[in-house]
Amino acid sequence: MTVETFNRLHPVGTPVFAYPGFRPEVASDARRLVTRTRTAAQLSASGGPVVWVEGEGSYICLTHVDPVSEDVWEEARAAEVAAAESEPVTAVPQPIDEARLAEIQRHVDATRNWSLGNLMARELLVEVQRLKAELADFSGRVNELESRLCNCEPVREHNDYRRPAFYQHAVGCPVNDLSEEAVR
């Protein structure tokens, strides 16, 4: 059925049986809504004819909507209400015995320990990253001070890009004379 035809025959508020998902001919467990249309039919973004109905958050294809008369709709609605009233009331939860309570507490403690472990690991990771940044800053300052003190042209120790390079200063360079006692 086209959008124009549906809208001409069935105005907003028409009683319908709507089947979100599957029709009963396709699946025996298809869900049926006894509802009314809440919008006029229109084309979806993909181009299919659809309509919104009361009690459903998304649109339903017109192939899954069956308009019914008021009296058929009233009968179906009354049958739904009667079925809901005849359903057994859900049992009240029973108190938890000591063994089950102890098991739940073990799970809670394990989760808490795991969470604390993760928290400590994150804090350690942050501290390691902070220390690495501090070391890089310190290394940069040392290199700057060495370059001010150096009166030779240091020779690169190696050309292997896979390991850090060190520079060897000449024998008389003041950088070589730096020691803990000289720094103090």
N, C-alpha and C. Protein backbone atom coordinates (compact mmCIF):
# COMPACT_ATOMS: atom_id res chain seq x y z
N MET A 1 0.85 -1.17 0.00
CA MET A 1 0.00 0.00 0.00
C MET A 1 0.90 1.24 0.00
N THR A 2 0.52 2.24 -0.77
CA THR A 2 1.30 3.46 -0.83
C THR A 2 0.97 4.36 0.35
N VAL A 3 1.84 5.32 0.60
CA VAL A 3 1.64 6.28 1.68
C VAL A 3 0.36 7.07 1.45
N GLU A 4 0.15 7.53 0.21
CA GLU A 4 -1.02 8.34 -0.09
C GLU A 4 -2.31 7.55 0.15
N THR A 5 -2.33 6.30 -0.29
CA THR A 5 -3.52 5.47 -0.12
C THR A 5 -3.79 5.22 1.36
N PHE A 6 -2.74 4.86 2.12
CA PHE A 6 -2.92 4.60 3.55
C PHE A 6 -3.46 5.85 4.25
N ASN A 7 -2.87 7.01 3.97
CA ASN A 7 -3.31 8.25 4.63
C ASN A 7 -4.74 8.63 4.23
N ARG A 8 -5.13 8.35 3.00
CA ARG A 8 -6.49 8.66 2.56
C ARG A 8 -7.51 7.76 3.24
N LEU A 9 -7.16 6.48 3.43
CA LEU A 9 -8.10 5.51 4.03
C LEU A 9 -8.06 5.48 5.55
N HIS A 10 -6.88 5.83 6.15
CA HIS A 10 -6.69 5.66 7.59
C HIS A 10 -6.04 6.91 8.19
N PRO A 11 -6.84 7.81 8.76
CA PRO A 11 -6.29 9.03 9.35
C PRO A 11 -5.52 8.72 10.64
N VAL A 12 -4.81 9.72 11.14
CA VAL A 12 -4.07 9.57 12.41
C VAL A 12 -5.06 9.20 13.50
N GLY A 13 -4.68 8.20 14.34
CA GLY A 13 -5.56 7.73 15.40
C GLY A 13 -6.33 6.48 15.02
N THR A 14 -6.09 5.94 13.85
CA THR A 14 -6.77 4.73 13.40
C THR A 14 -6.35 3.55 14.28
N PRO A 15 -7.29 2.72 14.74
CA PRO A 15 -6.92 1.53 15.50
C PRO A 15 -6.25 0.50 14.59
N VAL A 16 -5.13 -0.05 15.06
CA VAL A 16 -4.36 -1.01 14.25
C VAL A 16 -3.78 -2.11 15.13
N PHE A 17 -3.47 -3.23 14.48
CA PHE A 17 -2.60 -4.24 15.06
C PHE A 17 -1.26 -4.02 14.37
N ALA A 18 -0.23 -3.76 15.15
CA ALA A 18 1.10 -3.51 14.58
C ALA A 18 2.04 -4.61 15.03
N TYR A 19 2.95 -4.99 14.17
CA TYR A 19 3.89 -6.07 14.45
C TYR A 19 5.33 -5.55 14.27
N PRO A 20 5.92 -5.03 15.34
CA PRO A 20 7.32 -4.61 15.23
C PRO A 20 8.18 -5.87 15.10
N GLY A 21 9.09 -5.87 14.17
CA GLY A 21 9.92 -7.06 13.98
C GLY A 21 9.31 -7.97 12.93
N PHE A 22 8.66 -9.05 13.36
CA PHE A 22 8.12 -10.05 12.44
C PHE A 22 6.61 -10.10 12.50
N ARG A 23 6.01 -10.49 11.37
CA ARG A 23 4.58 -10.75 11.33
C ARG A 23 4.34 -12.16 11.85
N PRO A 24 3.14 -12.45 12.35
CA PRO A 24 2.87 -13.79 12.90
C PRO A 24 2.97 -14.91 11.86
N GLU A 25 2.80 -14.58 10.58
CA GLU A 25 2.95 -15.60 9.54
C GLU A 25 4.39 -16.05 9.40
N VAL A 26 5.33 -15.19 9.78
CA VAL A 26 6.75 -15.48 9.63
C VAL A 26 7.33 -16.12 10.90
N ALA A 27 6.95 -15.60 12.05
CA ALA A 27 7.48 -16.10 13.32
C ALA A 27 6.34 -16.32 14.30
N SER A 28 6.33 -17.47 14.93
CA SER A 28 5.23 -17.79 15.86
C SER A 28 5.28 -16.92 17.12
N ASP A 29 6.44 -16.39 17.46
CA ASP A 29 6.57 -15.56 18.66
C ASP A 29 6.55 -14.06 18.34
N ALA A 30 5.93 -13.71 17.20
CA ALA A 30 5.85 -12.30 16.82
C ALA A 30 5.05 -11.53 17.86
N ARG A 31 5.51 -10.32 18.14
CA ARG A 31 4.83 -9.47 19.12
C ARG A 31 3.77 -8.62 18.41
N ARG A 32 2.57 -8.61 18.98
CA ARG A 32 1.49 -7.83 18.40
C ARG A 32 1.16 -6.68 19.34
N LEU A 33 1.06 -5.48 18.77
CA LEU A 33 0.64 -4.30 19.52
C LEU A 33 -0.80 -3.97 19.12
N VAL A 34 -1.64 -3.83 20.11
CA VAL A 34 -3.01 -3.35 19.87
C VAL A 34 -2.93 -1.86 20.17
N THR A 35 -2.89 -1.06 19.13
CA THR A 35 -2.54 0.35 19.29
C THR A 35 -3.27 1.21 18.27
N ARG A 36 -2.84 2.46 18.18
CA ARG A 36 -3.40 3.40 17.20
C ARG A 36 -2.24 4.12 16.51
N THR A 37 -2.49 4.57 15.30
CA THR A 37 -1.45 5.34 14.61
C THR A 37 -1.31 6.70 15.29
N ARG A 38 -0.09 7.18 15.38
CA ARG A 38 0.11 8.51 15.99
C ARG A 38 0.66 9.52 15.00
N THR A 39 0.97 9.08 13.79
CA THR A 39 1.38 10.00 12.73
C THR A 39 0.74 9.55 11.43
N ALA A 40 0.80 10.40 10.45
CA ALA A 40 0.41 10.00 9.11
C ALA A 40 1.53 9.13 8.54
N ALA A 41 1.21 8.26 7.61
CA ALA A 41 2.23 7.43 6.97
C ALA A 41 3.15 8.32 6.13
N GLN A 42 4.39 7.91 6.03
CA GLN A 42 5.37 8.67 5.26
C GLN A 42 6.46 7.72 4.78
N LEU A 43 7.37 8.21 3.95
CA LEU A 43 8.48 7.40 3.47
C LEU A 43 9.64 7.53 4.45
N SER A 44 10.26 6.40 4.79
CA SER A 44 11.43 6.43 5.67
C SER A 44 12.64 6.91 4.88
N ALA A 45 13.77 7.05 5.55
CA ALA A 45 15.00 7.50 4.89
C ALA A 45 15.42 6.52 3.79
N SER A 46 15.09 5.25 3.99
CA SER A 46 15.45 4.25 2.97
C SER A 46 14.41 4.14 1.87
N GLY A 47 13.29 4.87 2.00
CA GLY A 47 12.28 4.91 0.94
C GLY A 47 11.09 4.02 1.16
N GLY A 48 11.03 3.30 2.27
CA GLY A 48 9.90 2.41 2.54
C GLY A 48 8.77 3.15 3.22
N PRO A 49 7.51 2.76 2.96
CA PRO A 49 6.37 3.41 3.61
C PRO A 49 6.26 2.95 5.07
N VAL A 50 6.18 3.91 5.99
CA VAL A 50 6.16 3.61 7.43
C VAL A 50 5.15 4.50 8.14
N VAL A 51 4.84 4.12 9.41
CA VAL A 51 3.98 4.91 10.26
C VAL A 51 4.42 4.72 11.70
N TRP A 52 4.24 5.72 12.54
CA TRP A 52 4.51 5.60 13.97
C TRP A 52 3.21 5.26 14.66
N VAL A 53 3.32 4.39 15.68
CA VAL A 53 2.13 4.00 16.44
C VAL A 53 2.36 4.27 17.91
N GLU A 54 1.27 4.37 18.67
CA GLU A 54 1.37 4.60 20.11
C GLU A 54 2.01 3.38 20.78
N GLY A 55 2.87 3.63 21.74
CA GLY A 55 3.49 2.54 22.48
C GLY A 55 4.74 1.97 21.85
N GLU A 56 5.19 2.51 20.74
CA GLU A 56 6.40 2.03 20.08
C GLU A 56 7.26 3.23 19.74
N GLY A 57 8.55 3.14 20.03
CA GLY A 57 9.44 4.29 19.85
C GLY A 57 9.93 4.49 18.44
N SER A 58 9.84 3.47 17.60
CA SER A 58 10.32 3.62 16.23
C SER A 58 9.17 3.37 15.26
N TYR A 59 9.42 3.73 14.00
CA TYR A 59 8.35 3.53 13.02
C TYR A 59 8.20 2.05 12.69
N ILE A 60 7.07 1.73 12.09
CA ILE A 60 6.78 0.36 11.67
C ILE A 60 6.38 0.40 10.20
N CYS A 61 6.92 -0.54 9.43
CA CYS A 61 6.58 -0.61 8.00
C CYS A 61 5.08 -0.84 7.84
N LEU A 62 4.52 -0.25 6.82
CA LEU A 62 3.08 -0.42 6.57
C LEU A 62 2.72 -1.88 6.32
N THR A 63 3.67 -2.70 5.85
CA THR A 63 3.40 -4.13 5.66
C THR A 63 3.21 -4.84 6.99
N HIS A 64 3.60 -4.20 8.11
CA HIS A 64 3.47 -4.79 9.44
C HIS A 64 2.38 -4.09 10.26
N VAL A 65 1.49 -3.36 9.60
CA VAL A 65 0.40 -2.65 10.27
C VAL A 65 -0.91 -3.07 9.62
N ASP A 66 -1.81 -3.57 10.47
CA ASP A 66 -3.14 -3.99 9.99
C ASP A 66 -4.21 -3.10 10.61
N PRO A 67 -4.83 -2.21 9.83
CA PRO A 67 -5.94 -1.42 10.37
C PRO A 67 -7.12 -2.34 10.71
N VAL A 68 -7.77 -2.06 11.84
CA VAL A 68 -8.93 -2.86 12.27
C VAL A 68 -10.06 -1.92 12.64
N SER A 69 -11.25 -2.50 12.77
CA SER A 69 -12.40 -1.68 13.16
C SER A 69 -12.32 -1.41 14.66
N GLU A 70 -13.10 -0.42 15.10
CA GLU A 70 -13.12 -0.03 16.53
C GLU A 70 -13.53 -1.20 17.41
N ASP A 71 -14.56 -1.94 17.02
CA ASP A 71 -15.03 -3.03 17.89
C ASP A 71 -14.02 -4.17 17.97
N VAL A 72 -13.34 -4.51 16.89
CA VAL A 72 -12.29 -5.54 16.93
C VAL A 72 -11.14 -5.05 17.81
N TRP A 73 -10.82 -3.78 17.68
CA TRP A 73 -9.73 -3.21 18.49
C TRP A 73 -10.10 -3.25 19.97
N GLU A 74 -11.35 -2.88 20.32
CA GLU A 74 -11.81 -2.90 21.71
C GLU A 74 -11.75 -4.32 22.29
N GLU A 75 -12.18 -5.32 21.51
CA GLU A 75 -12.12 -6.72 21.97
C GLU A 75 -10.68 -7.14 22.26
N ALA A 76 -9.78 -6.80 21.34
CA ALA A 76 -8.36 -7.18 21.50
C ALA A 76 -7.77 -6.49 22.71
N ARG A 77 -8.11 -5.23 22.91
CA ARG A 77 -7.60 -4.48 24.06
C ARG A 77 -8.12 -5.09 25.37
N ALA A 78 -9.40 -5.44 25.40
CA ALA A 78 -9.98 -6.06 26.59
C ALA A 78 -9.31 -7.41 26.87
N ALA A 79 -9.04 -8.18 25.83
CA ALA A 79 -8.36 -9.47 26.00
C ALA A 79 -6.96 -9.28 26.55
N GLU A 80 -6.25 -8.25 26.09
CA GLU A 80 -4.90 -7.96 26.61
C GLU A 80 -4.95 -7.61 28.09
N VAL A 81 -5.90 -6.78 28.48
CA VAL A 81 -6.04 -6.37 29.89
C VAL A 81 -6.36 -7.58 30.75
N ALA A 82 -7.27 -8.45 30.29
CA ALA A 82 -7.63 -9.65 31.05
C ALA A 82 -6.44 -10.58 31.19
N ALA A 83 -5.66 -10.73 30.14
CA ALA A 83 -4.48 -11.60 30.19
C ALA A 83 -3.45 -11.05 31.16
N ALA A 84 -3.27 -9.73 31.18
CA ALA A 84 -2.32 -9.12 32.09
C ALA A 84 -2.76 -9.29 33.54
N GLU A 85 -4.07 -9.21 33.79
CA GLU A 85 -4.58 -9.36 35.15
C GLU A 85 -4.49 -10.80 35.63
N SER A 86 -4.56 -11.77 34.71
CA SER A 86 -4.52 -13.18 35.11
C SER A 86 -3.09 -13.70 35.27
N GLU A 87 -2.11 -12.95 34.82
CA GLU A 87 -0.72 -13.39 34.98
C GLU A 87 -0.38 -13.42 36.47
N PRO A 88 0.38 -14.45 36.88
CA PRO A 88 0.73 -14.54 38.30
C PRO A 88 1.65 -13.38 38.69
N VAL A 89 1.46 -12.94 39.93
CA VAL A 89 2.30 -11.88 40.47
C VAL A 89 3.68 -12.45 40.71
N THR A 90 4.68 -11.72 40.36
CA THR A 90 6.05 -12.16 40.57
C THR A 90 6.30 -12.38 42.06
N ALA A 91 6.97 -13.48 42.37
CA ALA A 91 7.24 -13.82 43.77
C ALA A 91 8.13 -12.76 44.41
N VAL A 92 7.91 -12.56 45.69
CA VAL A 92 8.73 -11.63 46.45
C VAL A 92 10.07 -12.29 46.70
N PRO A 93 11.18 -11.59 46.50
CA PRO A 93 12.49 -12.21 46.72
C PRO A 93 12.62 -12.69 48.17
N GLN A 94 13.20 -13.86 48.30
CA GLN A 94 13.41 -14.44 49.62
C GLN A 94 14.72 -13.92 50.20
N PRO A 95 14.84 -13.90 51.53
CA PRO A 95 16.09 -13.45 52.15
C PRO A 95 17.25 -14.35 51.72
N ILE A 96 18.42 -13.77 51.67
CA ILE A 96 19.61 -14.50 51.27
C ILE A 96 20.18 -15.21 52.49
N ASP A 97 20.54 -16.50 52.32
CA ASP A 97 21.13 -17.22 53.45
C ASP A 97 22.60 -16.81 53.61
N GLU A 98 23.20 -17.21 54.71
CA GLU A 98 24.56 -16.78 55.05
C GLU A 98 25.58 -17.23 54.02
N ALA A 99 25.44 -18.45 53.49
CA ALA A 99 26.41 -18.96 52.51
C ALA A 99 26.38 -18.10 51.24
N ARG A 100 25.18 -17.80 50.76
CA ARG A 100 25.06 -16.98 49.56
C ARG A 100 25.56 -15.57 49.81
N LEU A 101 25.28 -15.03 50.99
CA LEU A 101 25.77 -13.70 51.35
C LEU A 101 27.29 -13.67 51.37
N ALA A 102 27.90 -14.72 51.92
CA ALA A 102 29.37 -14.80 51.96
C ALA A 102 29.94 -14.88 50.55
N GLU A 103 29.28 -15.62 49.66
CA GLU A 103 29.74 -15.74 48.27
C GLU A 103 29.66 -14.38 47.57
N ILE A 104 28.56 -13.68 47.77
CA ILE A 104 28.41 -12.34 47.17
C ILE A 104 29.48 -11.41 47.71
N GLN A 105 29.75 -11.47 49.02
CA GLN A 105 30.78 -10.62 49.61
C GLN A 105 32.15 -10.92 49.02
N ARG A 106 32.46 -12.21 48.76
CA ARG A 106 33.75 -12.57 48.14
C ARG A 106 33.86 -11.95 46.75
N HIS A 107 32.75 -12.00 45.99
CA HIS A 107 32.77 -11.39 44.66
C HIS A 107 32.98 -9.88 44.74
N VAL A 108 32.31 -9.26 45.69
CA VAL A 108 32.46 -7.81 45.87
C VAL A 108 33.89 -7.47 46.25
N ASP A 109 34.47 -8.25 47.18
CA ASP A 109 35.85 -8.00 47.60
C ASP A 109 36.83 -8.21 46.45
N ALA A 110 36.60 -9.26 45.67
CA ALA A 110 37.49 -9.53 44.53
C ALA A 110 37.42 -8.38 43.53
N THR A 111 36.19 -7.91 43.27
CA THR A 111 36.03 -6.79 42.35
C THR A 111 36.69 -5.54 42.89
N ARG A 112 36.52 -5.30 44.20
CA ARG A 112 37.13 -4.12 44.82
C ARG A 112 38.65 -4.23 44.73
N ASN A 113 39.21 -5.41 45.03
CA ASN A 113 40.67 -5.59 44.96
C ASN A 113 41.16 -5.39 43.54
N TRP A 114 40.42 -5.95 42.57
CA TRP A 114 40.82 -5.77 41.18
C TRP A 114 40.78 -4.30 40.80
N SER A 115 39.72 -3.61 41.24
CA SER A 115 39.59 -2.18 40.93
C SER A 115 40.70 -1.38 41.59
N LEU A 116 41.00 -1.71 42.87
CA LEU A 116 42.09 -1.01 43.55
C LEU A 116 43.41 -1.30 42.87
N GLY A 117 43.60 -2.55 42.44
CA GLY A 117 44.83 -2.91 41.71
C GLY A 117 44.96 -2.10 40.44
N ASN A 118 43.85 -1.97 39.71
CA ASN A 118 43.88 -1.17 38.48
C ASN A 118 44.15 0.29 38.78
N LEU A 119 43.55 0.78 39.87
CA LEU A 119 43.76 2.17 40.26
C LEU A 119 45.23 2.40 40.61
N MET A 120 45.80 1.48 41.38
CA MET A 120 47.21 1.61 41.75
C MET A 120 48.09 1.52 40.51
N ALA A 121 47.77 0.62 39.59
CA ALA A 121 48.55 0.49 38.36
C ALA A 121 48.48 1.78 37.55
N ARG A 122 47.29 2.38 37.48
CA ARG A 122 47.17 3.65 36.75
C ARG A 122 47.98 4.74 37.42
N GLU A 123 47.93 4.79 38.76
CA GLU A 123 48.70 5.81 39.48
C GLU A 123 50.20 5.60 39.27
N LEU A 124 50.63 4.34 39.28
CA LEU A 124 52.05 4.05 39.03
C LEU A 124 52.44 4.44 37.61
N LEU A 125 51.58 4.16 36.66
CA LEU A 125 51.86 4.51 35.28
C LEU A 125 51.99 6.03 35.12
N VAL A 126 51.11 6.76 35.76
CA VAL A 126 51.19 8.23 35.72
C VAL A 126 52.50 8.70 36.34
N GLU A 127 52.88 8.09 37.47
CA GLU A 127 54.12 8.48 38.13
C GLU A 127 55.33 8.16 37.26
N VAL A 128 55.33 6.99 36.60
CA VAL A 128 56.43 6.63 35.70
C VAL A 128 56.51 7.63 34.55
N GLN A 129 55.38 7.99 33.98
CA GLN A 129 55.38 8.96 32.88
C GLN A 129 55.89 10.32 33.36
N ARG A 130 55.51 10.72 34.57
CA ARG A 130 56.00 11.98 35.11
C ARG A 130 57.51 11.94 35.30
N LEU A 131 58.01 10.83 35.84
CA LEU A 131 59.46 10.70 36.06
C LEU A 131 60.22 10.66 34.74
N LYS A 132 59.68 10.00 33.73
CA LYS A 132 60.33 9.98 32.41
C LYS A 132 60.42 11.39 31.84
N ALA A 133 59.35 12.15 31.98
CA ALA A 133 59.36 13.53 31.49
C ALA A 133 60.38 14.36 32.26
N GLU A 134 60.44 14.14 33.58
CA GLU A 134 61.42 14.87 34.41
C GLU A 134 62.84 14.49 34.01
N LEU A 135 63.08 13.21 33.75
CA LEU A 135 64.41 12.75 33.33
C LEU A 135 64.79 13.34 31.98
N ALA A 136 63.84 13.38 31.04
CA ALA A 136 64.12 13.96 29.73
C ALA A 136 64.47 15.44 29.87
N ASP A 137 63.73 16.15 30.75
CA ASP A 137 64.01 17.56 31.00
C ASP A 137 65.40 17.72 31.61
N PHE A 138 65.72 16.88 32.59
CA PHE A 138 67.03 16.94 33.25
C PHE A 138 68.15 16.64 32.25
N SER A 139 67.94 15.61 31.40
CA SER A 139 68.96 15.28 30.39
C SER A 139 69.19 16.44 29.44
N GLY A 140 68.11 17.11 29.08
CA GLY A 140 68.25 18.27 28.20
C GLY A 140 69.06 19.38 28.86
N ARG A 141 68.85 19.61 30.16
CA ARG A 141 69.62 20.64 30.88
C ARG A 141 71.09 20.25 30.98
N VAL A 142 71.35 18.95 31.25
CA VAL A 142 72.74 18.47 31.34
C VAL A 142 73.44 18.68 30.00
N ASN A 143 72.77 18.32 28.91
CA ASN A 143 73.37 18.50 27.57
C ASN A 143 73.65 19.97 27.30
N GLU A 144 72.74 20.84 27.72
CA GLU A 144 72.94 22.28 27.52
C GLU A 144 74.16 22.76 28.32
N LEU A 145 74.28 22.34 29.57
CA LEU A 145 75.43 22.74 30.41
C LEU A 145 76.73 22.17 29.86
N GLU A 146 76.69 20.92 29.41
CA GLU A 146 77.90 20.32 28.83
C GLU A 146 78.34 21.09 27.60
N SER A 147 77.38 21.50 26.78
CA SER A 147 77.75 22.23 25.56
C SER A 147 78.37 23.58 25.89
N ARG A 148 78.01 24.20 27.02
CA ARG A 148 78.60 25.47 27.42
C ARG A 148 80.01 25.28 27.97
N LEU A 149 80.23 24.14 28.64
CA LEU A 149 81.54 23.87 29.22
C LEU A 149 82.54 23.30 28.22
N CYS A 150 82.02 22.60 27.21
CA CYS A 150 82.88 21.87 26.28
C CYS A 150 83.71 22.83 25.43
N ASN A 151 85.04 22.52 25.33
CA ASN A 151 85.89 23.32 24.45
C ASN A 151 86.51 22.44 23.37
N CYS A 152 85.93 21.24 23.15
CA CYS A 152 86.39 20.36 22.09
C CYS A 152 85.22 20.00 21.19
N GLU A 153 85.49 19.23 20.20
CA GLU A 153 84.41 18.72 19.36
C GLU A 153 84.25 17.24 19.68
N PRO A 154 83.22 16.88 20.46
CA PRO A 154 83.07 15.48 20.85
C PRO A 154 82.82 14.57 19.65
N VAL A 155 83.29 13.35 19.76
CA VAL A 155 83.17 12.37 18.69
C VAL A 155 82.03 11.41 19.06
N ARG A 156 81.19 11.16 18.09
CA ARG A 156 80.08 10.24 18.33
C ARG A 156 80.64 8.84 18.51
N GLU A 157 80.14 8.15 19.54
CA GLU A 157 80.68 6.83 19.88
C GLU A 157 80.35 5.78 18.82
N HIS A 158 79.16 5.85 18.22
CA HIS A 158 78.76 4.85 17.21
C HIS A 158 77.70 5.48 16.31
N ASN A 159 77.37 4.77 15.24
CA ASN A 159 76.35 5.24 14.31
C ASN A 159 75.16 4.28 14.23
N ASP A 160 75.00 3.48 15.27
CA ASP A 160 73.89 2.53 15.31
C ASP A 160 72.64 3.24 15.79
N TYR A 161 71.65 3.38 14.91
CA TYR A 161 70.44 4.12 15.26
C TYR A 161 69.56 3.37 16.25
N ARG A 162 69.84 2.06 16.50
CA ARG A 162 69.00 1.27 17.39
C ARG A 162 69.34 1.46 18.87
N ARG A 163 70.41 2.13 19.18
CA ARG A 163 70.75 2.39 20.58
C ARG A 163 71.19 3.84 20.73
N PRO A 164 71.06 4.40 21.93
CA PRO A 164 71.39 5.81 22.11
C PRO A 164 72.87 6.09 21.85
N ALA A 165 73.12 7.23 21.28
CA ALA A 165 74.51 7.62 20.97
C ALA A 165 75.11 8.40 22.14
N PHE A 166 76.39 8.17 22.39
CA PHE A 166 77.14 8.92 23.40
C PHE A 166 78.28 9.62 22.71
N TYR A 167 78.64 10.75 23.25
CA TYR A 167 79.73 11.52 22.67
C TYR A 167 80.92 11.48 23.61
N GLN A 168 82.11 11.24 23.01
CA GLN A 168 83.33 11.20 23.81
C GLN A 168 84.06 12.52 23.63
N HIS A 169 84.31 13.14 24.77
CA HIS A 169 85.01 14.42 24.75
C HIS A 169 86.50 14.18 24.77
N ALA A 170 87.23 15.18 24.35
CA ALA A 170 88.69 15.09 24.33
C ALA A 170 89.22 14.99 25.76
N VAL A 171 90.48 14.55 25.91
CA VAL A 171 91.06 14.30 27.22
C VAL A 171 91.08 15.56 28.07
N GLY A 172 91.38 16.68 27.56
CA GLY A 172 91.48 17.89 28.36
C GLY A 172 90.18 18.66 28.52
N CYS A 173 89.05 18.15 28.00
CA CYS A 173 87.78 18.86 28.04
C CYS A 173 87.26 18.91 29.47
N PRO A 174 86.78 20.07 29.93
CA PRO A 174 86.27 20.19 31.31
C PRO A 174 85.05 19.30 31.59
N VAL A 175 84.33 18.86 30.56
CA VAL A 175 83.18 17.99 30.76
C VAL A 175 83.65 16.67 31.38
N ASN A 176 84.84 16.19 30.97
CA ASN A 176 85.37 14.94 31.52
C ASN A 176 85.76 15.09 32.98
N ASP A 177 86.07 16.30 33.42
CA ASP A 177 86.50 16.53 34.79
C ASP A 177 85.34 16.66 35.76
N LEU A 178 84.11 16.67 35.24
CA LEU A 178 82.96 16.78 36.12
C LEU A 178 82.81 15.51 36.95
N SER A 179 82.71 15.69 38.22
CA SER A 179 82.47 14.57 39.12
C SER A 179 81.53 15.06 40.20
N GLU A 180 81.09 14.17 41.04
CA GLU A 180 80.17 14.56 42.11
C GLU A 180 80.81 15.57 43.04
N GLU A 181 82.11 15.42 43.31
CA GLU A 181 82.79 16.38 44.21
C GLU A 181 82.88 17.75 43.57
N ALA A 182 83.12 17.79 42.25
CA ALA A 182 83.24 19.07 41.56
C ALA A 182 81.89 19.78 41.48
N VAL A 183 80.82 19.01 41.38
CA VAL A 183 79.50 19.60 41.27
C VAL A 183 79.07 20.20 42.60
N ARG A 184 79.48 19.57 43.69
CA ARG A 184 79.08 20.05 45.01
C ARG A 184 79.81 21.28 45.29
